[in-house]
Amino acid sequence: MYLSRVLLDVNKRETMGALSSPHILHGAIEQSFASREKRKLWRIDWLGDVCCLLVLSEEKPDFTHLSRQFGYPFTDPPWETKDYSLLLSRLQEGQEWHFRLRANPTRSSFKEKDSASGRGKVFAHVTQEQQRQWLLAKAEKCGFKLNDDEFDVVHSQWLRFQKGRGGRYVTLRTATFEGKLTITDLGCFKEVLQSGVGRAKAYGCGLLTLARQRG
């Protein structure tokens, strides 16, 4: 696995268009790999005025075209890629890590069926408390533990965009979580780091990233 970071130039009109439409970024990311079948997770991060794209992938990427479109192609290097297995090898049960996760918190109602799929309708969790409770429940199944007073929703928004010209519109509610977690099931946790959390992974949700615990 590889974790890559691409700085994005928000002064470019193309970049701002892509940031408003995850479908565009998803397509550009897919074109950066020889195989479109292998799984990938991605997320947009803002650090002050700096905007960057994070991508976790099974295959080593080539972001030459993407950086020309949306980034700084003449910087050296225009993107960074690190071996993700180095982080995975350091993980142990009982460790505490600072985390960030942008997710699409939802619930399914089997009382109401989707006319197209026949499955239960999916509804977004809208309030911060609903979103927090969603992640607390997810954590138990994902190999980590959260204390209620040690994480929060730092940003939440609606996204509405079109899947290509003439395509249907997609509406998503996203929430960005930050805080402290404790690893409880190492095997399960490693799998979640590589496969993501929740829905809408093609649209920039699900990537759980770790940093050394602060302080």
N, C-alpha and C. Protein backbone atom coordinates (compact mmCIF):
# COMPACT_ATOMS: atom_id res chain seq x y z
N MET A 1 0.84 -1.20 0.00
CA MET A 1 0.00 0.00 0.00
C MET A 1 0.88 1.25 0.00
N TYR A 2 0.34 2.31 -0.60
CA TYR A 2 1.07 3.58 -0.70
C TYR A 2 0.15 4.73 -0.27
N LEU A 3 0.72 5.67 0.47
CA LEU A 3 -0.01 6.88 0.84
C LEU A 3 0.66 8.06 0.15
N SER A 4 -0.11 8.78 -0.65
CA SER A 4 0.42 9.88 -1.45
C SER A 4 -0.23 11.20 -1.04
N ARG A 5 0.54 12.27 -1.26
CA ARG A 5 0.06 13.62 -0.93
C ARG A 5 0.39 14.54 -2.10
N VAL A 6 -0.65 15.19 -2.64
CA VAL A 6 -0.49 16.10 -3.77
C VAL A 6 -1.00 17.47 -3.35
N LEU A 7 -0.15 18.50 -3.42
CA LEU A 7 -0.60 19.86 -3.14
C LEU A 7 -1.43 20.36 -4.32
N LEU A 8 -2.57 20.98 -4.02
CA LEU A 8 -3.46 21.49 -5.05
C LEU A 8 -3.40 23.01 -5.11
N ASP A 9 -3.42 23.54 -6.32
CA ASP A 9 -3.35 24.98 -6.54
C ASP A 9 -4.78 25.53 -6.65
N VAL A 10 -5.25 26.15 -5.57
CA VAL A 10 -6.64 26.62 -5.54
C VAL A 10 -6.82 27.91 -6.35
N ASN A 11 -5.74 28.45 -6.91
CA ASN A 11 -5.86 29.60 -7.80
C ASN A 11 -6.24 29.20 -9.22
N LYS A 12 -6.21 27.89 -9.48
CA LYS A 12 -6.62 27.40 -10.80
C LYS A 12 -8.13 27.19 -10.83
N ARG A 13 -8.75 27.64 -11.90
CA ARG A 13 -10.20 27.45 -12.04
C ARG A 13 -10.55 25.97 -12.09
N GLU A 14 -9.69 25.17 -12.74
CA GLU A 14 -9.96 23.73 -12.84
C GLU A 14 -9.96 23.07 -11.46
N THR A 15 -9.07 23.54 -10.58
CA THR A 15 -9.00 22.97 -9.24
C THR A 15 -10.28 23.27 -8.46
N MET A 16 -10.74 24.50 -8.51
CA MET A 16 -11.95 24.85 -7.77
C MET A 16 -13.16 24.09 -8.31
N GLY A 17 -13.18 23.87 -9.61
CA GLY A 17 -14.26 23.06 -10.18
C GLY A 17 -14.23 21.63 -9.70
N ALA A 18 -13.02 21.07 -9.60
CA ALA A 18 -12.87 19.70 -9.12
C ALA A 18 -13.21 19.58 -7.65
N LEU A 19 -12.86 20.59 -6.86
CA LEU A 19 -13.17 20.55 -5.43
C LEU A 19 -14.67 20.58 -5.17
N SER A 20 -15.41 21.20 -6.07
CA SER A 20 -16.86 21.27 -5.90
C SER A 20 -17.56 20.03 -6.46
N SER A 21 -16.82 19.18 -7.17
CA SER A 21 -17.40 17.98 -7.75
C SER A 21 -16.49 16.78 -7.53
N PRO A 22 -16.73 15.99 -6.48
CA PRO A 22 -15.90 14.82 -6.23
C PRO A 22 -15.84 13.84 -7.40
N HIS A 23 -16.85 13.87 -8.26
CA HIS A 23 -16.84 12.98 -9.43
C HIS A 23 -15.65 13.30 -10.35
N ILE A 24 -15.33 14.59 -10.49
CA ILE A 24 -14.20 15.00 -11.33
C ILE A 24 -12.89 14.51 -10.73
N LEU A 25 -12.72 14.72 -9.43
CA LEU A 25 -11.49 14.28 -8.77
C LEU A 25 -11.35 12.76 -8.80
N HIS A 26 -12.45 12.08 -8.59
CA HIS A 26 -12.42 10.61 -8.65
C HIS A 26 -11.90 10.13 -10.00
N GLY A 27 -12.39 10.75 -11.07
CA GLY A 27 -11.93 10.37 -12.41
C GLY A 27 -10.46 10.65 -12.62
N ALA A 28 -9.99 11.81 -12.14
CA ALA A 28 -8.58 12.17 -12.29
C ALA A 28 -7.68 11.22 -11.50
N ILE A 29 -8.13 10.82 -10.33
CA ILE A 29 -7.36 9.87 -9.51
C ILE A 29 -7.28 8.52 -10.21
N GLU A 30 -8.40 8.03 -10.73
CA GLU A 30 -8.41 6.74 -11.42
C GLU A 30 -7.44 6.73 -12.60
N GLN A 31 -7.33 7.85 -13.29
CA GLN A 31 -6.43 7.93 -14.45
C GLN A 31 -4.96 7.94 -14.05
N SER A 32 -4.67 8.06 -12.77
CA SER A 32 -3.29 8.11 -12.28
C SER A 32 -2.72 6.73 -11.99
N PHE A 33 -3.50 5.68 -12.29
CA PHE A 33 -3.08 4.31 -12.00
C PHE A 33 -3.23 3.44 -13.24
N ALA A 34 -2.34 2.46 -13.35
CA ALA A 34 -2.42 1.53 -14.47
C ALA A 34 -3.67 0.67 -14.39
N SER A 35 -4.06 0.30 -13.16
CA SER A 35 -5.25 -0.53 -12.96
C SER A 35 -6.33 0.26 -12.24
N ARG A 36 -7.52 0.24 -12.79
CA ARG A 36 -8.65 0.91 -12.14
C ARG A 36 -9.43 -0.04 -11.24
N GLU A 37 -9.02 -1.31 -11.23
CA GLU A 37 -9.74 -2.31 -10.45
C GLU A 37 -9.29 -2.32 -8.98
N LYS A 38 -8.05 -1.92 -8.73
CA LYS A 38 -7.53 -1.99 -7.37
C LYS A 38 -8.09 -0.85 -6.53
N ARG A 39 -8.30 -1.14 -5.24
CA ARG A 39 -8.99 -0.18 -4.38
C ARG A 39 -8.12 1.03 -4.08
N LYS A 40 -8.82 2.13 -3.90
CA LYS A 40 -8.16 3.40 -3.56
C LYS A 40 -9.07 4.16 -2.61
N LEU A 41 -8.48 4.90 -1.71
CA LEU A 41 -9.20 5.81 -0.84
C LEU A 41 -8.58 7.19 -1.00
N TRP A 42 -9.39 8.23 -0.88
CA TRP A 42 -8.81 9.56 -1.00
C TRP A 42 -9.59 10.57 -0.15
N ARG A 43 -8.97 11.71 0.05
CA ARG A 43 -9.58 12.77 0.86
C ARG A 43 -8.93 14.10 0.53
N ILE A 44 -9.70 15.17 0.60
CA ILE A 44 -9.17 16.52 0.51
C ILE A 44 -8.95 17.03 1.93
N ASP A 45 -7.76 17.55 2.20
CA ASP A 45 -7.44 18.15 3.49
C ASP A 45 -7.05 19.61 3.31
N TRP A 46 -7.53 20.43 4.22
CA TRP A 46 -7.11 21.83 4.28
C TRP A 46 -6.29 22.03 5.55
N LEU A 47 -5.09 22.57 5.40
CA LEU A 47 -4.23 22.94 6.52
C LEU A 47 -4.01 24.44 6.42
N GLY A 48 -4.88 25.20 7.06
CA GLY A 48 -4.86 26.65 6.87
C GLY A 48 -5.32 26.96 5.46
N ASP A 49 -4.47 27.67 4.71
CA ASP A 49 -4.79 28.01 3.32
C ASP A 49 -4.27 26.98 2.33
N VAL A 50 -3.60 25.94 2.84
CA VAL A 50 -3.00 24.92 1.97
C VAL A 50 -3.99 23.78 1.77
N CYS A 51 -4.22 23.44 0.50
CA CYS A 51 -5.14 22.36 0.15
C CYS A 51 -4.34 21.20 -0.43
N CYS A 52 -4.58 20.01 0.07
CA CYS A 52 -3.86 18.85 -0.47
C CYS A 52 -4.80 17.67 -0.66
N LEU A 53 -4.41 16.81 -1.56
CA LEU A 53 -5.13 15.58 -1.86
C LEU A 53 -4.33 14.42 -1.28
N LEU A 54 -4.98 13.60 -0.44
CA LEU A 54 -4.38 12.38 0.09
C LEU A 54 -4.98 11.19 -0.63
N VAL A 55 -4.15 10.25 -1.04
CA VAL A 55 -4.62 9.05 -1.73
C VAL A 55 -3.92 7.83 -1.15
N LEU A 56 -4.70 6.84 -0.73
CA LEU A 56 -4.17 5.56 -0.28
C LEU A 56 -4.49 4.53 -1.36
N SER A 57 -3.46 3.80 -1.81
CA SER A 57 -3.65 2.91 -2.96
C SER A 57 -2.81 1.65 -2.82
N GLU A 58 -3.26 0.59 -3.47
CA GLU A 58 -2.49 -0.65 -3.53
C GLU A 58 -1.32 -0.52 -4.50
N GLU A 59 -1.51 0.28 -5.51
CA GLU A 59 -0.53 0.43 -6.59
C GLU A 59 0.14 1.80 -6.48
N LYS A 60 1.41 1.88 -6.86
CA LYS A 60 2.12 3.16 -6.84
C LYS A 60 1.57 4.07 -7.94
N PRO A 61 1.22 5.33 -7.60
CA PRO A 61 0.58 6.19 -8.58
C PRO A 61 1.56 7.00 -9.42
N ASP A 62 1.03 7.54 -10.51
CA ASP A 62 1.74 8.54 -11.30
C ASP A 62 0.79 9.74 -11.44
N PHE A 63 1.05 10.77 -10.64
CA PHE A 63 0.16 11.93 -10.61
C PHE A 63 0.62 13.05 -11.53
N THR A 64 1.39 12.71 -12.55
CA THR A 64 1.89 13.74 -13.47
C THR A 64 0.75 14.55 -14.08
N HIS A 65 -0.23 13.87 -14.64
CA HIS A 65 -1.34 14.57 -15.30
C HIS A 65 -2.19 15.32 -14.27
N LEU A 66 -2.48 14.68 -13.14
CA LEU A 66 -3.31 15.31 -12.12
C LEU A 66 -2.66 16.58 -11.58
N SER A 67 -1.34 16.53 -11.35
CA SER A 67 -0.66 17.71 -10.82
C SER A 67 -0.62 18.84 -11.85
N ARG A 68 -0.56 18.48 -13.14
CA ARG A 68 -0.62 19.52 -14.18
C ARG A 68 -1.99 20.19 -14.20
N GLN A 69 -3.02 19.40 -14.01
CA GLN A 69 -4.38 19.94 -14.02
C GLN A 69 -4.69 20.78 -12.79
N PHE A 70 -4.36 20.24 -11.62
CA PHE A 70 -4.87 20.82 -10.38
C PHE A 70 -3.80 21.25 -9.38
N GLY A 71 -2.53 20.91 -9.65
CA GLY A 71 -1.50 21.13 -8.64
C GLY A 71 -0.40 22.07 -9.07
N TYR A 72 0.81 21.75 -8.59
CA TYR A 72 2.01 22.55 -8.86
C TYR A 72 3.01 21.65 -9.59
N PRO A 73 2.89 21.49 -10.90
CA PRO A 73 3.71 20.51 -11.62
C PRO A 73 5.19 20.82 -11.64
N PHE A 74 5.58 22.06 -11.36
CA PHE A 74 6.99 22.43 -11.46
C PHE A 74 7.71 22.43 -10.11
N THR A 75 7.01 22.04 -9.04
CA THR A 75 7.69 21.88 -7.76
C THR A 75 8.46 20.56 -7.78
N ASP A 76 9.40 20.41 -6.88
CA ASP A 76 10.24 19.21 -6.85
C ASP A 76 10.20 18.60 -5.44
N PRO A 77 9.47 17.49 -5.28
CA PRO A 77 8.65 16.80 -6.28
C PRO A 77 7.23 17.38 -6.29
N PRO A 78 6.45 17.17 -7.36
CA PRO A 78 5.08 17.68 -7.40
C PRO A 78 4.12 16.89 -6.52
N TRP A 79 4.55 15.71 -6.07
CA TRP A 79 3.77 14.94 -5.11
C TRP A 79 4.72 14.04 -4.33
N GLU A 80 4.23 13.54 -3.18
CA GLU A 80 5.01 12.64 -2.32
C GLU A 80 4.27 11.33 -2.17
N THR A 81 5.00 10.23 -2.21
CA THR A 81 4.42 8.91 -2.00
C THR A 81 5.27 8.14 -1.00
N LYS A 82 4.61 7.58 0.02
CA LYS A 82 5.32 6.82 1.05
C LYS A 82 4.77 5.40 1.13
N ASP A 83 5.63 4.50 1.56
CA ASP A 83 5.27 3.10 1.75
C ASP A 83 4.40 2.99 3.01
N TYR A 84 3.14 2.64 2.83
CA TYR A 84 2.18 2.62 3.94
C TYR A 84 2.44 1.45 4.89
N SER A 85 3.14 0.43 4.41
CA SER A 85 3.41 -0.73 5.26
C SER A 85 4.28 -0.38 6.46
N LEU A 86 5.06 0.69 6.36
CA LEU A 86 5.89 1.12 7.48
C LEU A 86 5.02 1.53 8.67
N LEU A 87 3.92 2.22 8.40
CA LEU A 87 2.99 2.57 9.48
C LEU A 87 2.28 1.33 10.00
N LEU A 88 1.80 0.49 9.10
CA LEU A 88 1.06 -0.70 9.53
C LEU A 88 1.90 -1.59 10.44
N SER A 89 3.21 -1.66 10.17
CA SER A 89 4.08 -2.53 10.96
C SER A 89 4.32 -1.99 12.37
N ARG A 90 4.05 -0.71 12.59
CA ARG A 90 4.27 -0.10 13.91
C ARG A 90 3.06 -0.20 14.82
N LEU A 91 1.93 -0.59 14.29
CA LEU A 91 0.69 -0.59 15.06
C LEU A 91 0.63 -1.76 16.03
N GLN A 92 0.09 -1.49 17.21
CA GLN A 92 -0.11 -2.52 18.23
C GLN A 92 -1.42 -2.26 18.97
N GLU A 93 -2.01 -3.32 19.46
CA GLU A 93 -3.22 -3.16 20.28
C GLU A 93 -2.88 -2.39 21.55
N GLY A 94 -3.77 -1.51 21.94
CA GLY A 94 -3.57 -0.67 23.11
C GLY A 94 -2.95 0.68 22.82
N GLN A 95 -2.40 0.85 21.61
CA GLN A 95 -1.82 2.14 21.24
C GLN A 95 -2.91 3.20 21.08
N GLU A 96 -2.53 4.44 21.41
CA GLU A 96 -3.42 5.58 21.19
C GLU A 96 -2.86 6.43 20.05
N TRP A 97 -3.73 6.84 19.15
CA TRP A 97 -3.35 7.66 18.00
C TRP A 97 -4.32 8.81 17.83
N HIS A 98 -3.80 9.93 17.35
CA HIS A 98 -4.67 11.00 16.89
C HIS A 98 -5.15 10.61 15.49
N PHE A 99 -6.42 10.84 15.21
CA PHE A 99 -6.96 10.43 13.91
C PHE A 99 -7.75 11.55 13.25
N ARG A 100 -7.89 11.40 11.94
CA ARG A 100 -8.80 12.24 11.15
C ARG A 100 -9.54 11.34 10.18
N LEU A 101 -10.83 11.60 10.04
CA LEU A 101 -11.67 10.81 9.15
C LEU A 101 -12.75 11.70 8.55
N ARG A 102 -12.83 11.69 7.24
CA ARG A 102 -13.97 12.32 6.57
C ARG A 102 -14.87 11.19 6.11
N ALA A 103 -16.12 11.21 6.57
CA ALA A 103 -17.01 10.08 6.32
C ALA A 103 -18.37 10.57 5.85
N ASN A 104 -19.17 9.60 5.42
CA ASN A 104 -20.55 9.84 4.99
C ASN A 104 -21.47 9.06 5.94
N PRO A 105 -21.79 9.63 7.11
CA PRO A 105 -22.59 8.91 8.11
C PRO A 105 -24.04 8.74 7.63
N THR A 106 -24.49 7.50 7.58
CA THR A 106 -25.84 7.22 7.08
C THR A 106 -26.50 6.13 7.91
N ARG A 107 -27.79 5.98 7.68
CA ARG A 107 -28.54 4.84 8.24
C ARG A 107 -29.45 4.32 7.14
N SER A 108 -29.78 3.04 7.21
CA SER A 108 -30.69 2.43 6.24
C SER A 108 -32.03 2.14 6.90
N SER A 109 -33.11 2.45 6.21
CA SER A 109 -34.46 2.16 6.70
C SER A 109 -35.08 1.09 5.81
N PHE A 110 -35.28 -0.09 6.39
CA PHE A 110 -35.84 -1.18 5.60
C PHE A 110 -37.37 -1.11 5.54
N LYS A 111 -37.96 -0.14 6.27
CA LYS A 111 -39.40 0.09 6.16
C LYS A 111 -39.74 0.81 4.87
N GLU A 112 -38.73 1.56 4.36
CA GLU A 112 -38.92 2.28 3.10
C GLU A 112 -37.94 1.72 2.08
N LYS A 113 -38.45 1.27 0.95
CA LYS A 113 -37.62 0.64 -0.07
C LYS A 113 -37.28 1.63 -1.18
N ASP A 114 -36.05 1.53 -1.66
CA ASP A 114 -35.64 2.30 -2.83
C ASP A 114 -36.28 1.68 -4.07
N SER A 115 -36.95 2.49 -4.87
CA SER A 115 -37.69 1.97 -6.03
C SER A 115 -36.77 1.34 -7.07
N ALA A 116 -35.53 1.83 -7.16
CA ALA A 116 -34.61 1.31 -8.18
C ALA A 116 -33.95 0.01 -7.74
N SER A 117 -33.43 -0.02 -6.50
CA SER A 117 -32.66 -1.18 -6.05
C SER A 117 -33.48 -2.20 -5.29
N GLY A 118 -34.61 -1.76 -4.71
CA GLY A 118 -35.40 -2.66 -3.89
C GLY A 118 -34.86 -2.82 -2.48
N ARG A 119 -33.73 -2.19 -2.20
CA ARG A 119 -33.14 -2.26 -0.86
C ARG A 119 -33.69 -1.13 0.00
N GLY A 120 -33.34 -1.16 1.28
CA GLY A 120 -33.77 -0.11 2.19
C GLY A 120 -33.21 1.24 1.78
N LYS A 121 -34.00 2.29 1.98
CA LYS A 121 -33.54 3.63 1.65
C LYS A 121 -32.44 4.07 2.60
N VAL A 122 -31.50 4.84 2.07
CA VAL A 122 -30.37 5.34 2.87
C VAL A 122 -30.62 6.80 3.19
N PHE A 123 -30.50 7.14 4.48
CA PHE A 123 -30.70 8.51 4.94
C PHE A 123 -29.43 9.01 5.62
N ALA A 124 -29.14 10.28 5.42
CA ALA A 124 -27.95 10.88 6.03
C ALA A 124 -28.20 11.21 7.49
N HIS A 125 -27.18 11.05 8.31
CA HIS A 125 -27.19 11.61 9.66
C HIS A 125 -26.81 13.08 9.54
N VAL A 126 -27.67 13.96 9.99
CA VAL A 126 -27.52 15.39 9.73
C VAL A 126 -26.89 16.14 10.89
N THR A 127 -27.33 15.87 12.11
CA THR A 127 -26.82 16.61 13.26
C THR A 127 -25.46 16.06 13.71
N GLN A 128 -24.69 16.90 14.38
CA GLN A 128 -23.38 16.45 14.86
C GLN A 128 -23.52 15.32 15.87
N GLU A 129 -24.56 15.35 16.70
CA GLU A 129 -24.73 14.28 17.67
C GLU A 129 -25.05 12.96 16.98
N GLN A 130 -25.88 12.99 15.94
CA GLN A 130 -26.14 11.77 15.16
C GLN A 130 -24.86 11.24 14.53
N GLN A 131 -24.05 12.14 14.01
CA GLN A 131 -22.81 11.75 13.36
C GLN A 131 -21.82 11.16 14.37
N ARG A 132 -21.76 11.74 15.55
CA ARG A 132 -20.88 11.22 16.60
C ARG A 132 -21.32 9.82 17.02
N GLN A 133 -22.61 9.64 17.21
CA GLN A 133 -23.12 8.33 17.62
C GLN A 133 -22.88 7.28 16.54
N TRP A 134 -22.97 7.70 15.29
CA TRP A 134 -22.68 6.79 14.17
C TRP A 134 -21.24 6.29 14.26
N LEU A 135 -20.28 7.21 14.51
CA LEU A 135 -18.88 6.79 14.56
C LEU A 135 -18.59 5.96 15.80
N LEU A 136 -19.21 6.27 16.92
CA LEU A 136 -19.03 5.45 18.12
C LEU A 136 -19.46 4.00 17.86
N ALA A 137 -20.58 3.83 17.16
CA ALA A 137 -21.05 2.48 16.84
C ALA A 137 -20.13 1.81 15.82
N LYS A 138 -19.65 2.57 14.84
CA LYS A 138 -18.74 2.02 13.84
C LYS A 138 -17.43 1.55 14.47
N ALA A 139 -16.93 2.31 15.42
CA ALA A 139 -15.63 2.01 16.02
C ALA A 139 -15.59 0.60 16.59
N GLU A 140 -16.67 0.18 17.23
CA GLU A 140 -16.72 -1.14 17.85
C GLU A 140 -16.52 -2.25 16.82
N LYS A 141 -16.96 -2.00 15.58
CA LYS A 141 -16.85 -3.01 14.53
C LYS A 141 -15.57 -2.86 13.71
N CYS A 142 -14.81 -1.81 13.99
CA CYS A 142 -13.64 -1.49 13.16
C CYS A 142 -12.31 -1.64 13.90
N GLY A 143 -12.35 -2.22 15.09
CA GLY A 143 -11.11 -2.52 15.78
C GLY A 143 -10.51 -1.39 16.59
N PHE A 144 -11.31 -0.37 16.91
CA PHE A 144 -10.79 0.70 17.76
C PHE A 144 -11.87 1.21 18.70
N LYS A 145 -11.43 1.92 19.72
CA LYS A 145 -12.33 2.46 20.73
C LYS A 145 -12.22 3.97 20.77
N LEU A 146 -13.36 4.62 20.98
CA LEU A 146 -13.41 6.07 21.14
C LEU A 146 -14.05 6.40 22.48
N ASN A 147 -13.47 7.36 23.18
CA ASN A 147 -14.13 7.92 24.35
C ASN A 147 -14.94 9.13 23.91
N ASP A 148 -16.13 9.25 24.46
CA ASP A 148 -17.07 10.26 23.99
C ASP A 148 -16.52 11.68 24.05
N ASP A 149 -15.63 11.95 25.01
CA ASP A 149 -15.12 13.32 25.17
C ASP A 149 -13.76 13.52 24.49
N GLU A 150 -13.32 12.56 23.67
CA GLU A 150 -11.99 12.66 23.06
C GLU A 150 -12.02 12.69 21.53
N PHE A 151 -13.18 12.97 20.96
CA PHE A 151 -13.25 13.19 19.51
C PHE A 151 -14.43 14.11 19.22
N ASP A 152 -14.40 14.72 18.05
CA ASP A 152 -15.47 15.65 17.70
C ASP A 152 -15.66 15.73 16.19
N VAL A 153 -16.78 16.31 15.79
CA VAL A 153 -17.03 16.65 14.39
C VAL A 153 -16.50 18.06 14.18
N VAL A 154 -15.47 18.21 13.37
CA VAL A 154 -14.86 19.52 13.16
C VAL A 154 -15.41 20.23 11.93
N HIS A 155 -16.08 19.48 11.07
CA HIS A 155 -16.69 20.10 9.88
C HIS A 155 -17.76 19.17 9.33
N SER A 156 -18.87 19.75 8.88
CA SER A 156 -19.94 18.96 8.29
C SER A 156 -20.60 19.78 7.19
N GLN A 157 -20.92 19.13 6.06
CA GLN A 157 -21.50 19.87 4.95
C GLN A 157 -22.28 18.95 4.01
N TRP A 158 -23.18 19.57 3.23
CA TRP A 158 -23.85 18.89 2.14
C TRP A 158 -23.04 19.06 0.86
N LEU A 159 -22.97 18.02 0.06
CA LEU A 159 -22.38 18.09 -1.28
C LEU A 159 -23.43 17.65 -2.29
N ARG A 160 -23.55 18.42 -3.35
CA ARG A 160 -24.44 18.04 -4.45
C ARG A 160 -23.70 18.26 -5.76
N PHE A 161 -23.58 17.21 -6.56
CA PHE A 161 -22.82 17.30 -7.79
C PHE A 161 -23.39 16.31 -8.81
N GLN A 162 -23.02 16.52 -10.06
CA GLN A 162 -23.52 15.70 -11.15
C GLN A 162 -22.48 14.68 -11.58
N LYS A 163 -22.92 13.46 -11.84
CA LYS A 163 -22.01 12.41 -12.30
C LYS A 163 -21.82 12.53 -13.81
N GLY A 164 -20.95 13.45 -14.20
CA GLY A 164 -20.69 13.65 -15.62
C GLY A 164 -21.79 14.43 -16.30
N ARG A 165 -21.55 14.82 -17.54
CA ARG A 165 -22.55 15.57 -18.29
C ARG A 165 -23.78 14.71 -18.55
N GLY A 166 -24.91 15.23 -18.15
CA GLY A 166 -26.15 14.49 -18.36
C GLY A 166 -26.39 13.39 -17.35
N GLY A 167 -25.46 13.19 -16.42
CA GLY A 167 -25.61 12.15 -15.40
C GLY A 167 -26.53 12.59 -14.27
N ARG A 168 -26.87 11.64 -13.43
CA ARG A 168 -27.75 11.96 -12.30
C ARG A 168 -27.01 12.78 -11.26
N TYR A 169 -27.77 13.48 -10.44
CA TYR A 169 -27.18 14.26 -9.36
C TYR A 169 -27.02 13.39 -8.11
N VAL A 170 -25.92 13.61 -7.42
CA VAL A 170 -25.62 12.89 -6.18
C VAL A 170 -25.62 13.91 -5.04
N THR A 171 -26.29 13.57 -3.95
CA THR A 171 -26.31 14.42 -2.76
C THR A 171 -25.74 13.64 -1.58
N LEU A 172 -24.75 14.20 -0.93
CA LEU A 172 -24.08 13.54 0.20
C LEU A 172 -23.98 14.50 1.38
N ARG A 173 -24.07 13.94 2.57
CA ARG A 173 -23.74 14.69 3.78
C ARG A 173 -22.42 14.13 4.31
N THR A 174 -21.41 14.97 4.44
CA THR A 174 -20.12 14.51 4.94
C THR A 174 -19.84 15.11 6.32
N ALA A 175 -19.05 14.41 7.08
CA ALA A 175 -18.61 14.88 8.40
C ALA A 175 -17.13 14.56 8.55
N THR A 176 -16.38 15.52 9.03
CA THR A 176 -14.96 15.31 9.31
C THR A 176 -14.77 15.19 10.82
N PHE A 177 -14.21 14.05 11.23
CA PHE A 177 -13.99 13.76 12.65
C PHE A 177 -12.51 13.89 12.97
N GLU A 178 -12.22 14.39 14.15
CA GLU A 178 -10.84 14.40 14.66
C GLU A 178 -10.87 14.06 16.15
N GLY A 179 -9.80 13.41 16.61
CA GLY A 179 -9.71 13.09 18.02
C GLY A 179 -8.70 12.00 18.30
N LYS A 180 -8.93 11.29 19.39
CA LYS A 180 -8.02 10.23 19.83
C LYS A 180 -8.75 8.89 19.79
N LEU A 181 -8.06 7.86 19.29
CA LEU A 181 -8.60 6.51 19.30
C LEU A 181 -7.61 5.57 19.96
N THR A 182 -8.12 4.41 20.39
CA THR A 182 -7.30 3.35 20.95
C THR A 182 -7.54 2.08 20.15
N ILE A 183 -6.46 1.43 19.71
CA ILE A 183 -6.58 0.20 18.93
C ILE A 183 -6.97 -0.95 19.85
N THR A 184 -8.05 -1.67 19.51
CA THR A 184 -8.51 -2.79 20.33
C THR A 184 -8.38 -4.14 19.62
N ASP A 185 -8.48 -4.15 18.30
CA ASP A 185 -8.37 -5.39 17.51
C ASP A 185 -7.47 -5.07 16.33
N LEU A 186 -6.21 -5.49 16.40
CA LEU A 186 -5.21 -5.06 15.43
C LEU A 186 -5.54 -5.51 14.01
N GLY A 187 -5.93 -6.77 13.83
CA GLY A 187 -6.22 -7.27 12.50
C GLY A 187 -7.37 -6.53 11.85
N CYS A 188 -8.43 -6.34 12.61
CA CYS A 188 -9.61 -5.63 12.11
C CYS A 188 -9.26 -4.17 11.79
N PHE A 189 -8.48 -3.55 12.66
CA PHE A 189 -8.11 -2.14 12.48
C PHE A 189 -7.28 -1.94 11.22
N LYS A 190 -6.32 -2.83 10.99
CA LYS A 190 -5.49 -2.73 9.79
C LYS A 190 -6.34 -2.86 8.53
N GLU A 191 -7.29 -3.76 8.55
CA GLU A 191 -8.17 -3.94 7.39
C GLU A 191 -8.99 -2.67 7.13
N VAL A 192 -9.49 -2.05 8.20
CA VAL A 192 -10.28 -0.83 8.06
C VAL A 192 -9.43 0.32 7.52
N LEU A 193 -8.18 0.42 7.98
CA LEU A 193 -7.30 1.46 7.46
C LEU A 193 -7.14 1.34 5.95
N GLN A 194 -7.11 0.10 5.45
CA GLN A 194 -6.87 -0.12 4.02
C GLN A 194 -8.14 -0.15 3.17
N SER A 195 -9.28 -0.45 3.80
CA SER A 195 -10.53 -0.56 3.03
C SER A 195 -11.48 0.60 3.27
N GLY A 196 -11.26 1.38 4.35
CA GLY A 196 -12.07 2.57 4.58
C GLY A 196 -13.26 2.34 5.50
N VAL A 197 -13.89 3.45 5.88
CA VAL A 197 -15.00 3.45 6.83
C VAL A 197 -16.24 4.05 6.16
N GLY A 198 -17.33 3.29 6.11
CA GLY A 198 -18.59 3.84 5.64
C GLY A 198 -18.73 3.87 4.13
N ARG A 199 -19.69 4.69 3.68
CA ARG A 199 -20.05 4.79 2.27
C ARG A 199 -19.28 5.92 1.56
N ALA A 200 -19.61 6.06 0.26
CA ALA A 200 -19.14 7.18 -0.58
C ALA A 200 -17.62 7.25 -0.69
N LYS A 201 -16.96 6.11 -0.71
CA LYS A 201 -15.50 6.10 -0.79
C LYS A 201 -14.99 6.64 -2.12
N ALA A 202 -15.75 6.46 -3.18
CA ALA A 202 -15.34 7.00 -4.47
C ALA A 202 -15.35 8.52 -4.49
N TYR A 203 -16.05 9.11 -3.52
CA TYR A 203 -16.22 10.57 -3.50
C TYR A 203 -15.50 11.24 -2.34
N GLY A 204 -14.40 10.64 -1.91
CA GLY A 204 -13.54 11.30 -0.93
C GLY A 204 -13.87 11.02 0.52
N CYS A 205 -14.65 9.99 0.79
CA CYS A 205 -14.99 9.63 2.17
C CYS A 205 -14.36 8.28 2.53
N GLY A 206 -14.16 8.06 3.83
CA GLY A 206 -13.74 6.75 4.31
C GLY A 206 -12.29 6.58 4.69
N LEU A 207 -11.41 7.50 4.26
CA LEU A 207 -9.98 7.36 4.56
C LEU A 207 -9.70 7.80 5.99
N LEU A 208 -9.27 6.86 6.81
CA LEU A 208 -8.90 7.11 8.21
C LEU A 208 -7.39 7.26 8.29
N THR A 209 -6.92 8.42 8.72
CA THR A 209 -5.48 8.67 8.82
C THR A 209 -5.08 8.86 10.27
N LEU A 210 -3.83 8.52 10.55
CA LEU A 210 -3.31 8.54 11.92
C LEU A 210 -2.11 9.47 12.03
N ALA A 211 -1.94 10.03 13.22
CA ALA A 211 -0.76 10.82 13.55
C ALA A 211 -0.38 10.51 14.98
N ARG A 212 0.88 10.73 15.30
CA ARG A 212 1.32 10.48 16.67
C ARG A 212 0.49 11.30 17.64
N GLN A 213 0.17 10.70 18.78
CA GLN A 213 -0.64 11.38 19.78
C GLN A 213 0.04 12.65 20.26
N ARG A 214 -0.68 13.75 20.26
CA ARG A 214 -0.11 15.04 20.61
C ARG A 214 0.11 15.16 22.11
N GLY A 215 1.09 15.96 22.43
CA GLY A 215 1.32 16.33 23.82
C GLY A 215 2.15 15.38 24.60
